[in-house]
Amino acid sequence: MRVGFSGTDGVFGTGTVAWIPFRAVGQPGQRTVLSVTVSTINEPNGAEPPIDRINGAIIIVDANGLTPGDCDGNGYLTEFDAFCALQMSVQLRPVQLTLDIDNDGAVTSRDATIILQRVTGRA
């Protein structure tokens, strides 16, 4: 994707440069890294201003809009989500089947392991 814009006063401050709605397809929990690159940027006077890029990911959610394995609903997996699944596996927390990553019908220590592997990039 390429984005371009121009103006006579230049660009300054913070904010969104582009908002691009799209439909991603795949199985819930699948993710693709999204890397942002800038090929050309300049001010009206030709100077190159500094620009921050925020890389991210595209994550496929389930039919309810939830990220599989996400216990706290923040939209991404962390060590807390693995800990939460582990607590569910020993009945210290009510079960949320969105943490049933291996789809065996229960939240077990295996689900906690898979979540932690995903967090650390080992799955």
PDB file of N, CA and C in Angstrom:
ATOM      1  N   MET A   1       0.839  -1.151   0.000  1.00  0.00           N
ATOM      2  CA  MET A   1       0.000   0.000   0.000  1.00  0.00           C
ATOM      3  C   MET A   1       0.896   1.230   0.000  1.00  0.00           C
ATOM      4  N   ARG A   2       0.490   2.233  -0.714  1.00  0.00           N
ATOM      5  CA  ARG A   2       1.211   3.500  -0.733  1.00  0.00           C
ATOM      6  C   ARG A   2       0.240   4.606  -0.338  1.00  0.00           C
ATOM      7  N   VAL A   3       0.729   5.526   0.458  1.00  0.00           N
ATOM      8  CA  VAL A   3      -0.073   6.656   0.903  1.00  0.00           C
ATOM      9  C   VAL A   3       0.690   7.917   0.571  1.00  0.00           C
ATOM     10  N   GLY A   4       0.006   8.899   0.060  1.00  0.00           N
ATOM     11  CA  GLY A   4       0.649  10.172  -0.220  1.00  0.00           C
ATOM     12  C   GLY A   4      -0.273  11.324   0.124  1.00  0.00           C
ATOM     13  N   PHE A   5       0.308  12.424   0.530  1.00  0.00           N
ATOM     14  CA  PHE A   5      -0.459  13.644   0.786  1.00  0.00           C
ATOM     15  C   PHE A   5       0.483  14.821   0.651  1.00  0.00           C
ATOM     16  N   SER A   6      -0.077  15.986   0.457  1.00  0.00           N
ATOM     17  CA  SER A   6       0.770  17.172   0.317  1.00  0.00           C
ATOM     18  C   SER A   6       0.054  18.388   0.874  1.00  0.00           C
ATOM     19  N   GLY A   7       0.831  19.407   1.146  1.00  0.00           N
ATOM     20  CA  GLY A   7       0.294  20.663   1.652  1.00  0.00           C
ATOM     21  C   GLY A   7       1.375  21.719   1.576  1.00  0.00           C
ATOM     22  N   THR A   8       0.991  22.960   1.738  1.00  0.00           N
ATOM     23  CA  THR A   8       1.972  24.043   1.628  1.00  0.00           C
ATOM     24  C   THR A   8       2.650  24.361   2.953  1.00  0.00           C
ATOM     25  N   ASP A   9       2.072  23.913   4.077  1.00  0.00           N
ATOM     26  CA  ASP A   9       2.618  24.254   5.390  1.00  0.00           C
ATOM     27  C   ASP A   9       3.421  23.132   6.036  1.00  0.00           C
ATOM     28  N   GLY A  10       3.472  21.966   5.438  1.00  0.00           N
ATOM     29  CA  GLY A  10       4.158  20.840   6.059  1.00  0.00           C
ATOM     30  C   GLY A  10       3.262  20.138   7.057  1.00  0.00           C
ATOM     31  N   VAL A  11       3.776  19.116   7.660  1.00  0.00           N
ATOM     32  CA  VAL A  11       3.030  18.317   8.626  1.00  0.00           C
ATOM     33  C   VAL A  11       3.795  18.328   9.935  1.00  0.00           C
ATOM     34  N   PHE A  12       3.076  18.497  11.036  1.00  0.00           N
ATOM     35  CA  PHE A  12       3.714  18.488  12.346  1.00  0.00           C
ATOM     36  C   PHE A  12       2.740  17.965  13.368  1.00  0.00           C
ATOM     37  N   GLY A  13       3.261  17.592  14.530  1.00  0.00           N
ATOM     38  CA  GLY A  13       2.419  17.070  15.598  1.00  0.00           C
ATOM     39  C   GLY A  13       2.277  15.564  15.508  1.00  0.00           C
ATOM     40  N   THR A  14       1.259  15.050  16.168  1.00  0.00           N
ATOM     41  CA  THR A  14       1.015  13.617  16.171  1.00  0.00           C
ATOM     42  C   THR A  14      -0.380  13.347  15.644  1.00  0.00           C
ATOM     43  N   GLY A  15      -0.601  12.143  15.229  1.00  0.00           N
ATOM     44  CA  GLY A  15      -1.922  11.773  14.760  1.00  0.00           C
ATOM     45  C   GLY A  15      -1.858  10.633  13.766  1.00  0.00           C
ATOM     46  N   THR A  16      -3.009  10.248  13.297  1.00  0.00           N
ATOM     47  CA  THR A  16      -3.131   9.160  12.338  1.00  0.00           C
ATOM     48  C   THR A  16      -2.868   9.680  10.931  1.00  0.00           C
ATOM     49  N   VAL A  17      -2.038   8.965  10.197  1.00  0.00           N
ATOM     50  CA  VAL A  17      -1.756   9.333   8.814  1.00  0.00           C
ATOM     51  C   VAL A  17      -2.750   8.664   7.877  1.00  0.00           C
ATOM     52  N   ALA A  18      -3.105   7.417   8.173  1.00  0.00           N
ATOM     53  CA  ALA A  18      -4.042   6.689   7.315  1.00  0.00           C
ATOM     54  C   ALA A  18      -4.846   5.707   8.148  1.00  0.00           C
ATOM     55  N   TRP A  19      -6.098   5.554   7.797  1.00  0.00           N
ATOM     56  CA  TRP A  19      -6.981   4.572   8.431  1.00  0.00           C
ATOM     57  C   TRP A  19      -7.525   3.728   7.295  1.00  0.00           C
ATOM     58  N   ILE A  20      -7.191   2.443   7.294  1.00  0.00           N
ATOM     59  CA  ILE A  20      -7.535   1.593   6.171  1.00  0.00           C
ATOM     60  C   ILE A  20      -8.337   0.393   6.661  1.00  0.00           C
ATOM     61  N   PRO A  21      -9.658   0.446   6.534  1.00  0.00           N
ATOM     62  CA  PRO A  21     -10.456  -0.716   6.931  1.00  0.00           C
ATOM     63  C   PRO A  21     -10.328  -1.825   5.886  1.00  0.00           C
ATOM     64  N   PHE A  22     -10.278  -3.055   6.342  1.00  0.00           N
ATOM     65  CA  PHE A  22     -10.204  -4.199   5.444  1.00  0.00           C
ATOM     66  C   PHE A  22     -10.728  -5.414   6.182  1.00  0.00           C
ATOM     67  N   ARG A  23     -10.962  -6.483   5.460  1.00  0.00           N
ATOM     68  CA  ARG A  23     -11.397  -7.737   6.065  1.00  0.00           C
ATOM     69  C   ARG A  23     -10.259  -8.735   5.928  1.00  0.00           C
ATOM     70  N   ALA A  24      -9.785  -9.211   7.059  1.00  0.00           N
ATOM     71  CA  ALA A  24      -8.753 -10.243   7.078  1.00  0.00           C
ATOM     72  C   ALA A  24      -9.443 -11.584   7.248  1.00  0.00           C
ATOM     73  N   VAL A  25      -8.932 -12.594   6.603  1.00  0.00           N
ATOM     74  CA  VAL A  25      -9.525 -13.925   6.715  1.00  0.00           C
ATOM     75  C   VAL A  25      -8.500 -14.894   7.283  1.00  0.00           C
ATOM     76  N   GLY A  26      -8.987 -15.887   7.983  1.00  0.00           N
ATOM     77  CA  GLY A  26      -8.135 -16.894   8.595  1.00  0.00           C
ATOM     78  C   GLY A  26      -8.838 -17.503   9.774  1.00  0.00           C
ATOM     79  N   GLN A  27      -8.137 -18.300  10.513  1.00  0.00           N
ATOM     80  CA  GLN A  27      -8.676 -18.938  11.706  1.00  0.00           C
ATOM     81  C   GLN A  27      -8.459 -18.032  12.912  1.00  0.00           C
ATOM     82  N   PRO A  28      -9.416 -17.984  13.843  1.00  0.00           N
ATOM     83  CA  PRO A  28      -9.232 -17.164  15.042  1.00  0.00           C
ATOM     84  C   PRO A  28      -7.910 -17.469  15.736  1.00  0.00           C
ATOM     85  N   GLY A  29      -7.202 -16.416  16.070  1.00  0.00           N
ATOM     86  CA  GLY A  29      -5.918 -16.544  16.738  1.00  0.00           C
ATOM     87  C   GLY A  29      -4.734 -16.418  15.800  1.00  0.00           C
ATOM     88  N   GLN A  30      -4.962 -16.592  14.490  1.00  0.00           N
ATOM     89  CA  GLN A  30      -3.850 -16.423  13.554  1.00  0.00           C
ATOM     90  C   GLN A  30      -3.443 -14.961  13.523  1.00  0.00           C
ATOM     91  N   ARG A  31      -2.156 -14.726  13.299  1.00  0.00           N
ATOM     92  CA  ARG A  31      -1.667 -13.350  13.275  1.00  0.00           C
ATOM     93  C   ARG A  31      -0.609 -13.204  12.200  1.00  0.00           C
ATOM     94  N   THR A  32      -0.529 -12.013  11.662  1.00  0.00           N
ATOM     95  CA  THR A  32       0.480 -11.652  10.677  1.00  0.00           C
ATOM     96  C   THR A  32       1.121 -10.360  11.142  1.00  0.00           C
ATOM     97  N   VAL A  33       2.429 -10.338  11.175  1.00  0.00           N
ATOM     98  CA  VAL A  33       3.155  -9.132  11.568  1.00  0.00           C
ATOM     99  C   VAL A  33       2.933  -8.060  10.512  1.00  0.00           C
ATOM    100  N   LEU A  34       2.712  -6.852  10.960  1.00  0.00           N
ATOM    101  CA  LEU A  34       2.516  -5.713  10.073  1.00  0.00           C
ATOM    102  C   LEU A  34       3.669  -4.744  10.305  1.00  0.00           C
ATOM    103  N   SER A  35       4.529  -4.615   9.315  1.00  0.00           N
ATOM    104  CA  SER A  35       5.693  -3.733   9.419  1.00  0.00           C
ATOM    105  C   SER A  35       5.470  -2.517   8.533  1.00  0.00           C
ATOM    106  N   VAL A  36       5.743  -1.356   9.083  1.00  0.00           N
ATOM    107  CA  VAL A  36       5.551  -0.099   8.361  1.00  0.00           C
ATOM    108  C   VAL A  36       6.907   0.416   7.910  1.00  0.00           C
ATOM    109  N   THR A  37       7.000   0.785   6.643  1.00  0.00           N
ATOM    110  CA  THR A  37       8.220   1.400   6.134  1.00  0.00           C
ATOM    111  C   THR A  37       7.855   2.734   5.497  1.00  0.00           C
ATOM    112  N   VAL A  38       8.794   3.633   5.483  1.00  0.00           N
ATOM    113  CA  VAL A  38       8.615   4.936   4.844  1.00  0.00           C
ATOM    114  C   VAL A  38       9.678   5.043   3.761  1.00  0.00           C
ATOM    115  N   SER A  39       9.241   5.196   2.513  1.00  0.00           N
ATOM    116  CA  SER A  39      10.213   5.273   1.421  1.00  0.00           C
ATOM    117  C   SER A  39      10.640   6.715   1.154  1.00  0.00           C
ATOM    118  N   THR A  40       9.716   7.659   1.260  1.00  0.00           N
ATOM    119  CA  THR A  40      10.034   9.064   1.005  1.00  0.00           C
ATOM    120  C   THR A  40       9.186   9.942   1.911  1.00  0.00           C
ATOM    121  N   ILE A  41       9.823  10.917   2.526  1.00  0.00           N
ATOM    122  CA  ILE A  41       9.096  11.899   3.322  1.00  0.00           C
ATOM    123  C   ILE A  41       9.888  13.197   3.267  1.00  0.00           C
ATOM    124  N   ASN A  42       9.188  14.291   3.035  1.00  0.00           N
ATOM    125  CA  ASN A  42       9.881  15.576   3.023  1.00  0.00           C
ATOM    126  C   ASN A  42       8.930  16.719   3.312  1.00  0.00           C
ATOM    127  N   GLU A  43       9.518  17.814   3.746  1.00  0.00           N
ATOM    128  CA  GLU A  43       8.794  19.052   4.024  1.00  0.00           C
ATOM    129  C   GLU A  43       8.683  19.852   2.723  1.00  0.00           C
ATOM    130  N   PRO A  44       7.814  20.874   2.667  1.00  0.00           N
ATOM    131  CA  PRO A  44       7.738  21.699   1.464  1.00  0.00           C
ATOM    132  C   PRO A  44       9.073  22.331   1.069  1.00  0.00           C
ATOM    133  N   ASN A  45       9.950  22.569   2.043  1.00  0.00           N
ATOM    134  CA  ASN A  45      11.257  23.164   1.738  1.00  0.00           C
ATOM    135  C   ASN A  45      12.312  22.114   1.371  1.00  0.00           C
ATOM    136  N   GLY A  46      11.920  20.827   1.312  1.00  0.00           N
ATOM    137  CA  GLY A  46      12.838  19.754   0.937  1.00  0.00           C
ATOM    138  C   GLY A  46      13.488  19.036   2.105  1.00  0.00           C
ATOM    139  N   ALA A  47      13.368  19.576   3.326  1.00  0.00           N
ATOM    140  CA  ALA A  47      13.955  18.930   4.499  1.00  0.00           C
ATOM    141  C   ALA A  47      13.241  17.609   4.785  1.00  0.00           C
ATOM    142  N   GLU A  48      13.964  16.676   5.394  1.00  0.00           N
ATOM    143  CA  GLU A  48      13.375  15.393   5.778  1.00  0.00           C
ATOM    144  C   GLU A  48      13.033  15.418   7.265  1.00  0.00           C
ATOM    145  N   PRO A  49      11.749  15.473   7.600  1.00  0.00           N
ATOM    146  CA  PRO A  49      11.363  15.505   9.019  1.00  0.00           C
ATOM    147  C   PRO A  49      11.493  14.120   9.652  1.00  0.00           C
ATOM    148  N   PRO A  50      11.669  14.068  10.971  1.00  0.00           N
ATOM    149  CA  PRO A  50      11.680  12.760  11.650  1.00  0.00           C
ATOM    150  C   PRO A  50      10.263  12.188  11.664  1.00  0.00           C
ATOM    151  N   ILE A  51      10.170  10.890  11.599  1.00  0.00           N
ATOM    152  CA  ILE A  51       8.861  10.245  11.647  1.00  0.00           C
ATOM    153  C   ILE A  51       8.985   8.954  12.453  1.00  0.00           C
ATOM    154  N   ASP A  52       8.030   8.723  13.316  1.00  0.00           N
ATOM    155  CA  ASP A  52       7.974   7.483  14.078  1.00  0.00           C
ATOM    156  C   ASP A  52       7.067   6.511  13.348  1.00  0.00           C
ATOM    157  N   ARG A  53       7.446   5.260  13.335  1.00  0.00           N
ATOM    158  CA  ARG A  53       6.614   4.206  12.763  1.00  0.00           C
ATOM    159  C   ARG A  53       6.200   3.280  13.887  1.00  0.00           C
ATOM    160  N   ILE A  54       4.974   2.842  13.857  1.00  0.00           N
ATOM    161  CA  ILE A  54       4.477   1.902  14.861  1.00  0.00           C
ATOM    162  C   ILE A  54       4.106   0.619  14.143  1.00  0.00           C
ATOM    163  N   ASN A  55       4.935  -0.406  14.306  1.00  0.00           N
ATOM    164  CA  ASN A  55       4.644  -1.704  13.719  1.00  0.00           C
ATOM    165  C   ASN A  55       3.601  -2.403  14.573  1.00  0.00           C
ATOM    166  N   GLY A  56       2.956  -3.386  14.023  1.00  0.00           N
ATOM    167  CA  GLY A  56       1.921  -4.078  14.772  1.00  0.00           C
ATOM    168  C   GLY A  56       1.660  -5.449  14.194  1.00  0.00           C
ATOM    169  N   ALA A  57       0.417  -5.879  14.281  1.00  0.00           N
ATOM    170  CA  ALA A  57       0.034  -7.189  13.769  1.00  0.00           C
ATOM    171  C   ALA A  57      -1.431  -7.161  13.382  1.00  0.00           C
ATOM    172  N   ILE A  58      -1.772  -8.034  12.479  1.00  0.00           N
ATOM    173  CA  ILE A  58      -3.170  -8.280  12.130  1.00  0.00           C
ATOM    174  C   ILE A  58      -3.525  -9.581  12.820  1.00  0.00           C
ATOM    175  N   ILE A  59      -4.540  -9.544  13.684  1.00  0.00           N
ATOM    176  CA  ILE A  59      -4.928 -10.715  14.468  1.00  0.00           C
ATOM    177  C   ILE A  59      -6.366 -11.081  14.102  1.00  0.00           C
ATOM    178  N   ILE A  60      -6.584 -12.323  13.762  1.00  0.00           N
ATOM    179  CA  ILE A  60      -7.926 -12.797  13.438  1.00  0.00           C
ATOM    180  C   ILE A  60      -8.664 -13.076  14.747  1.00  0.00           C
ATOM    181  N   VAL A  61      -9.828 -12.463  14.902  1.00  0.00           N
ATOM    182  CA  VAL A  61     -10.634 -12.644  16.107  1.00  0.00           C
ATOM    183  C   VAL A  61     -11.748 -13.645  15.831  1.00  0.00           C
ATOM    184  N   ASP A  62     -12.417 -14.088  16.892  1.00  0.00           N
ATOM    185  CA  ASP A  62     -13.504 -15.038  16.711  1.00  0.00           C
ATOM    186  C   ASP A  62     -14.802 -14.304  16.366  1.00  0.00           C
ATOM    187  N   ALA A  63     -15.893 -15.041  16.247  1.00  0.00           N
ATOM    188  CA  ALA A  63     -17.179 -14.464  15.848  1.00  0.00           C
ATOM    189  C   ALA A  63     -17.672 -13.406  16.827  1.00  0.00           C
ATOM    190  N   ASN A  64     -17.206 -13.451  18.079  1.00  0.00           N
ATOM    191  CA  ASN A  64     -17.599 -12.470  19.086  1.00  0.00           C
ATOM    192  C   ASN A  64     -16.652 -11.275  19.136  1.00  0.00           C
ATOM    193  N   GLY A  65     -15.656 -11.254  18.243  1.00  0.00           N
ATOM    194  CA  GLY A  65     -14.691 -10.169  18.232  1.00  0.00           C
ATOM    195  C   GLY A  65     -13.594 -10.326  19.263  1.00  0.00           C
ATOM    196  N   LEU A  66     -13.440 -11.526  19.823  1.00  0.00           N
ATOM    197  CA  LEU A  66     -12.445 -11.768  20.856  1.00  0.00           C
ATOM    198  C   LEU A  66     -11.204 -12.430  20.267  1.00  0.00           C
ATOM    199  N   THR A  67     -10.052 -12.088  20.819  1.00  0.00           N
ATOM    200  CA  THR A  67      -8.804 -12.729  20.434  1.00  0.00           C
ATOM    201  C   THR A  67      -8.667 -14.014  21.242  1.00  0.00           C
ATOM    202  N   PRO A  68      -8.579 -15.164  20.583  1.00  0.00           N
ATOM    203  CA  PRO A  68      -8.426 -16.411  21.337  1.00  0.00           C
ATOM    204  C   PRO A  68      -7.222 -16.360  22.271  1.00  0.00           C
ATOM    205  N   GLY A  69      -7.462 -16.708  23.524  1.00  0.00           N
ATOM    206  CA  GLY A  69      -6.403 -16.702  24.523  1.00  0.00           C
ATOM    207  C   GLY A  69      -6.291 -15.416  25.307  1.00  0.00           C
ATOM    208  N   ASP A  70      -7.060 -14.403  24.941  1.00  0.00           N
ATOM    209  CA  ASP A  70      -6.984 -13.093  25.594  1.00  0.00           C
ATOM    210  C   ASP A  70      -7.939 -13.052  26.783  1.00  0.00           C
ATOM    211  N   CYS A  71      -7.401 -13.158  27.977  1.00  0.00           N
ATOM    212  CA  CYS A  71      -8.215 -13.207  29.196  1.00  0.00           C
ATOM    213  C   CYS A  71      -8.764 -11.835  29.599  1.00  0.00           C
ATOM    214  N   ASP A  72      -7.941 -10.800  29.473  1.00  0.00           N
ATOM    215  CA  ASP A  72      -8.349  -9.483  29.961  1.00  0.00           C
ATOM    216  C   ASP A  72      -8.991  -8.599  28.905  1.00  0.00           C
ATOM    217  N   GLY A  73      -9.130  -9.090  27.688  1.00  0.00           N
ATOM    218  CA  GLY A  73      -9.845  -8.348  26.652  1.00  0.00           C
ATOM    219  C   GLY A  73      -9.117  -7.155  26.075  1.00  0.00           C
ATOM    220  N   ASN A  74      -7.788  -7.107  26.231  1.00  0.00           N
ATOM    221  CA  ASN A  74      -7.056  -5.957  25.700  1.00  0.00           C
ATOM    222  C   ASN A  74      -6.684  -6.126  24.229  1.00  0.00           C
ATOM    223  N   GLY A  75      -7.022  -7.263  23.620  1.00  0.00           N
ATOM    224  CA  GLY A  75      -6.813  -7.451  22.201  1.00  0.00           C
ATOM    225  C   GLY A  75      -5.518  -8.134  21.804  1.00  0.00           C
ATOM    226  N   TYR A  76      -4.662  -8.409  22.754  1.00  0.00           N
ATOM    227  CA  TYR A  76      -3.419  -9.112  22.438  1.00  0.00           C
ATOM    228  C   TYR A  76      -3.021 -10.013  23.597  1.00  0.00           C
ATOM    229  N   LEU A  77      -2.141 -10.966  23.316  1.00  0.00           N
ATOM    230  CA  LEU A  77      -1.739 -11.944  24.317  1.00  0.00           C
ATOM    231  C   LEU A  77      -0.522 -11.473  25.100  1.00  0.00           C
ATOM    232  N   THR A  78      -0.580 -11.695  26.415  1.00  0.00           N
ATOM    233  CA  THR A  78       0.527 -11.375  27.314  1.00  0.00           C
ATOM    234  C   THR A  78       0.719 -12.546  28.276  1.00  0.00           C
ATOM    235  N   GLU A  79       1.764 -12.447  29.089  1.00  0.00           N
ATOM    236  CA  GLU A  79       2.010 -13.468  30.099  1.00  0.00           C
ATOM    237  C   GLU A  79       0.821 -13.582  31.051  1.00  0.00           C
ATOM    238  N   PHE A  80       0.131 -12.463  31.291  1.00  0.00           N
ATOM    239  CA  PHE A  80      -1.034 -12.494  32.172  1.00  0.00           C
ATOM    240  C   PHE A  80      -2.100 -13.452  31.640  1.00  0.00           C
ATOM    241  N   ASP A  81      -2.290 -13.473  30.326  1.00  0.00           N
ATOM    242  CA  ASP A  81      -3.300 -14.351  29.736  1.00  0.00           C
ATOM    243  C   ASP A  81      -2.952 -15.818  29.977  1.00  0.00           C
ATOM    244  N   ALA A  82      -1.667 -16.160  29.890  1.00  0.00           N
ATOM    245  CA  ALA A  82      -1.232 -17.529  30.183  1.00  0.00           C
ATOM    246  C   ALA A  82      -1.491 -17.859  31.656  1.00  0.00           C
ATOM    247  N   PHE A  83      -1.172 -16.908  32.537  1.00  0.00           N
ATOM    248  CA  PHE A  83      -1.413 -17.097  33.969  1.00  0.00           C
ATOM    249  C   PHE A  83      -2.910 -17.265  34.240  1.00  0.00           C
ATOM    250  N   CYS A  84      -3.717 -16.478  33.569  1.00  0.00           N
ATOM    251  CA  CYS A  84      -5.171 -16.551  33.723  1.00  0.00           C
ATOM    252  C   CYS A  84      -5.676 -17.948  33.312  1.00  0.00           C
ATOM    253  N   ALA A  85      -5.185 -18.462  32.179  1.00  0.00           N
ATOM    254  CA  ALA A  85      -5.579 -19.804  31.729  1.00  0.00           C
ATOM    255  C   ALA A  85      -5.153 -20.856  32.748  1.00  0.00           C
ATOM    256  N   LEU A  86      -3.974 -20.685  33.307  1.00  0.00           N
ATOM    257  CA  LEU A  86      -3.496 -21.627  34.319  1.00  0.00           C
ATOM    258  C   LEU A  86      -4.403 -21.602  35.549  1.00  0.00           C
ATOM    259  N   GLN A  87      -4.827 -20.410  35.959  1.00  0.00           N
ATOM    260  CA  GLN A  87      -5.758 -20.302  37.089  1.00  0.00           C
ATOM    261  C   GLN A  87      -7.083 -20.991  36.765  1.00  0.00           C
ATOM    262  N   MET A  88      -7.562 -20.834  35.535  1.00  0.00           N
ATOM    263  CA  MET A  88      -8.806 -21.494  35.129  1.00  0.00           C
ATOM    264  C   MET A  88      -8.660 -23.012  35.170  1.00  0.00           C
ATOM    265  N   SER A  89      -7.476 -23.485  34.803  1.00  0.00           N
ATOM    266  CA  SER A  89      -7.263 -24.939  34.746  1.00  0.00           C
ATOM    267  C   SER A  89      -7.342 -25.601  36.117  1.00  0.00           C
ATOM    268  N   VAL A  90      -7.127 -24.839  37.183  1.00  0.00           N
ATOM    269  CA  VAL A  90      -7.199 -25.385  38.544  1.00  0.00           C
ATOM    270  C   VAL A  90      -8.366 -24.774  39.331  1.00  0.00           C
ATOM    271  N   GLN A  91      -9.360 -24.285  38.615  1.00  0.00           N
ATOM    272  CA  GLN A  91     -10.599 -23.739  39.180  1.00  0.00           C
ATOM    273  C   GLN A  91     -10.401 -22.567  40.129  1.00  0.00           C
ATOM    274  N   LEU A  92      -9.366 -21.763  39.920  1.00  0.00           N
ATOM    275  CA  LEU A  92      -9.185 -20.558  40.733  1.00  0.00           C
ATOM    276  C   LEU A  92      -9.825 -19.338  40.081  1.00  0.00           C
ATOM    277  N   ARG A  93     -10.370 -19.530  38.896  1.00  0.00           N
ATOM    278  CA  ARG A  93     -10.992 -18.456  38.136  1.00  0.00           C
ATOM    279  C   ARG A  93     -12.062 -19.094  37.255  1.00  0.00           C
ATOM    280  N   PRO A  94     -13.204 -18.410  37.069  1.00  0.00           N
ATOM    281  CA  PRO A  94     -14.237 -18.969  36.185  1.00  0.00           C
ATOM    282  C   PRO A  94     -13.697 -19.182  34.763  1.00  0.00           C
ATOM    283  N   VAL A  95     -14.105 -20.264  34.153  1.00  0.00           N
ATOM    284  CA  VAL A  95     -13.613 -20.626  32.824  1.00  0.00           C
ATOM    285  C   VAL A  95     -14.223 -19.729  31.751  1.00  0.00           C
ATOM    286  N   GLN A  96     -13.373 -19.249  30.857  1.00  0.00           N
ATOM    287  CA  GLN A  96     -13.778 -18.526  29.642  1.00  0.00           C
ATOM    288  C   GLN A  96     -13.262 -19.365  28.484  1.00  0.00           C
ATOM    289  N   LEU A  97     -14.156 -19.950  27.707  1.00  0.00           N
ATOM    290  CA  LEU A  97     -13.714 -20.866  26.664  1.00  0.00           C
ATOM    291  C   LEU A  97     -12.928 -20.190  25.547  1.00  0.00           C
ATOM    292  N   THR A  98     -12.888 -18.867  25.526  1.00  0.00           N
ATOM    293  CA  THR A  98     -12.028 -18.200  24.547  1.00  0.00           C
ATOM    294  C   THR A  98     -10.555 -18.490  24.821  1.00  0.00           C
ATOM    295  N   LEU A  99     -10.240 -19.004  26.014  1.00  0.00           N
ATOM    296  CA  LEU A  99      -8.870 -19.396  26.345  1.00  0.00           C
ATOM    297  C   LEU A  99      -8.593 -20.865  26.032  1.00  0.00           C
ATOM    298  N   ASP A 100      -9.574 -21.561  25.490  1.00  0.00           N
ATOM    299  CA  ASP A 100      -9.390 -22.958  25.071  1.00  0.00           C
ATOM    300  C   ASP A 100      -8.705 -22.960  23.707  1.00  0.00           C
ATOM    301  N   ILE A 101      -7.410 -22.757  23.716  1.00  0.00           N
ATOM    302  CA  ILE A 101      -6.628 -22.598  22.487  1.00  0.00           C
ATOM    303  C   ILE A 101      -6.534 -23.893  21.686  1.00  0.00           C
ATOM    304  N   ASP A 102      -6.452 -25.040  22.358  1.00  0.00           N
ATOM    305  CA  ASP A 102      -6.319 -26.300  21.634  1.00  0.00           C
ATOM    306  C   ASP A 102      -7.676 -26.920  21.277  1.00  0.00           C
ATOM    307  N   ASN A 103      -8.750 -26.209  21.579  1.00  0.00           N
ATOM    308  CA  ASN A 103     -10.118 -26.609  21.202  1.00  0.00           C
ATOM    309  C   ASN A 103     -10.513 -28.007  21.669  1.00  0.00           C
ATOM    310  N   ASP A 104     -10.125 -28.331  22.916  1.00  0.00           N
ATOM    311  CA  ASP A 104     -10.525 -29.634  23.454  1.00  0.00           C
ATOM    312  C   ASP A 104     -11.751 -29.521  24.367  1.00  0.00           C
ATOM    313  N   GLY A 105     -12.340 -28.329  24.442  1.00  0.00           N
ATOM    314  CA  GLY A 105     -13.544 -28.142  25.239  1.00  0.00           C
ATOM    315  C   GLY A 105     -13.305 -27.739  26.679  1.00  0.00           C
ATOM    316  N   ALA A 106     -12.040 -27.550  27.065  1.00  0.00           N
ATOM    317  CA  ALA A 106     -11.709 -27.160  28.439  1.00  0.00           C
ATOM    318  C   ALA A 106     -10.474 -26.257  28.414  1.00  0.00           C
ATOM    319  N   VAL A 107     -10.341 -25.447  29.453  1.00  0.00           N
ATOM    320  CA  VAL A 107      -9.135 -24.632  29.603  1.00  0.00           C
ATOM    321  C   VAL A 107      -8.208 -25.384  30.544  1.00  0.00           C
ATOM    322  N   THR A 108      -7.062 -25.803  30.018  1.00  0.00           N
ATOM    323  CA  THR A 108      -6.128 -26.624  30.779  1.00  0.00           C
ATOM    324  C   THR A 108      -4.750 -25.963  30.796  1.00  0.00           C
ATOM    325  N   SER A 109      -3.821 -26.615  31.494  1.00  0.00           N
ATOM    326  CA  SER A 109      -2.458 -26.097  31.526  1.00  0.00           C
ATOM    327  C   SER A 109      -1.838 -26.107  30.122  1.00  0.00           C
ATOM    328  N   ARG A 110      -2.312 -26.986  29.253  1.00  0.00           N
ATOM    329  CA  ARG A 110      -1.822 -27.013  27.863  1.00  0.00           C
ATOM    330  C   ARG A 110      -2.169 -25.701  27.170  1.00  0.00           C
ATOM    331  N   ASP A 111      -3.367 -25.178  27.395  1.00  0.00           N
ATOM    332  CA  ASP A 111      -3.752 -23.892  26.810  1.00  0.00           C
ATOM    333  C   ASP A 111      -2.850 -22.779  27.325  1.00  0.00           C
ATOM    334  N   ALA A 112      -2.549 -22.804  28.619  1.00  0.00           N
ATOM    335  CA  ALA A 112      -1.650 -21.800  29.199  1.00  0.00           C
ATOM    336  C   ALA A 112      -0.280 -21.872  28.535  1.00  0.00           C
ATOM    337  N   THR A 113       0.196 -23.095  28.288  1.00  0.00           N
ATOM    338  CA  THR A 113       1.495 -23.283  27.640  1.00  0.00           C
ATOM    339  C   THR A 113       1.479 -22.720  26.224  1.00  0.00           C
ATOM    340  N   ILE A 114       0.430 -22.999  25.467  1.00  0.00           N
ATOM    341  CA  ILE A 114       0.333 -22.511  24.090  1.00  0.00           C
ATOM    342  C   ILE A 114       0.283 -20.982  24.073  1.00  0.00           C
ATOM    343  N   ILE A 115      -0.487 -20.393  24.980  1.00  0.00           N
ATOM    344  CA  ILE A 115      -0.566 -18.927  25.050  1.00  0.00           C
ATOM    345  C   ILE A 115       0.815 -18.357  25.333  1.00  0.00           C
ATOM    346  N   LEU A 116       1.515 -18.919  26.307  1.00  0.00           N
ATOM    347  CA  LEU A 116       2.846 -18.429  26.648  1.00  0.00           C
ATOM    348  C   LEU A 116       3.818 -18.603  25.476  1.00  0.00           C
ATOM    349  N   GLN A 117       3.702 -19.697  24.750  1.00  0.00           N
ATOM    350  CA  GLN A 117       4.546 -19.898  23.568  1.00  0.00           C
ATOM    351  C   GLN A 117       4.275 -18.830  22.528  1.00  0.00           C
ATOM    352  N   ARG A 118       3.012 -18.460  22.341  1.00  0.00           N
ATOM    353  CA  ARG A 118       2.671 -17.420  21.372  1.00  0.00           C
ATOM    354  C   ARG A 118       3.212 -16.060  21.823  1.00  0.00           C
ATOM    355  N   VAL A 119       3.132 -15.798  23.135  1.00  0.00           N
ATOM    356  CA  VAL A 119       3.623 -14.530  23.660  1.00  0.00           C
ATOM    357  C   VAL A 119       5.125 -14.396  23.424  1.00  0.00           C
ATOM    358  N   THR A 120       5.849 -15.499  23.616  1.00  0.00           N
ATOM    359  CA  THR A 120       7.302 -15.462  23.503  1.00  0.00           C
ATOM    360  C   THR A 120       7.792 -15.746  22.084  1.00  0.00           C
ATOM    361  N   GLY A 121       6.857 -15.935  21.145  1.00  0.00           N
ATOM    362  CA  GLY A 121       7.239 -16.176  19.759  1.00  0.00           C
ATOM    363  C   GLY A 121       7.716 -17.573  19.475  1.00  0.00           C
ATOM    364  N   ARG A 122       7.384 -18.524  20.326  1.00  0.00           N
ATOM    365  CA  ARG A 122       7.822 -19.901  20.150  1.00  0.00           C
ATOM    366  C   ARG A 122       6.739 -20.789  19.571  1.00  0.00           C
ATOM    367  N   ALA A 123       5.620 -20.200  19.167  1.00  0.00           N
ATOM    368  CA  ALA A 123       4.548 -20.993  18.574  1.00  0.00           C
ATOM    369  C   ALA A 123       4.047 -20.340  17.321  1.00  0.00           C
TER     370      ALA A 123
END
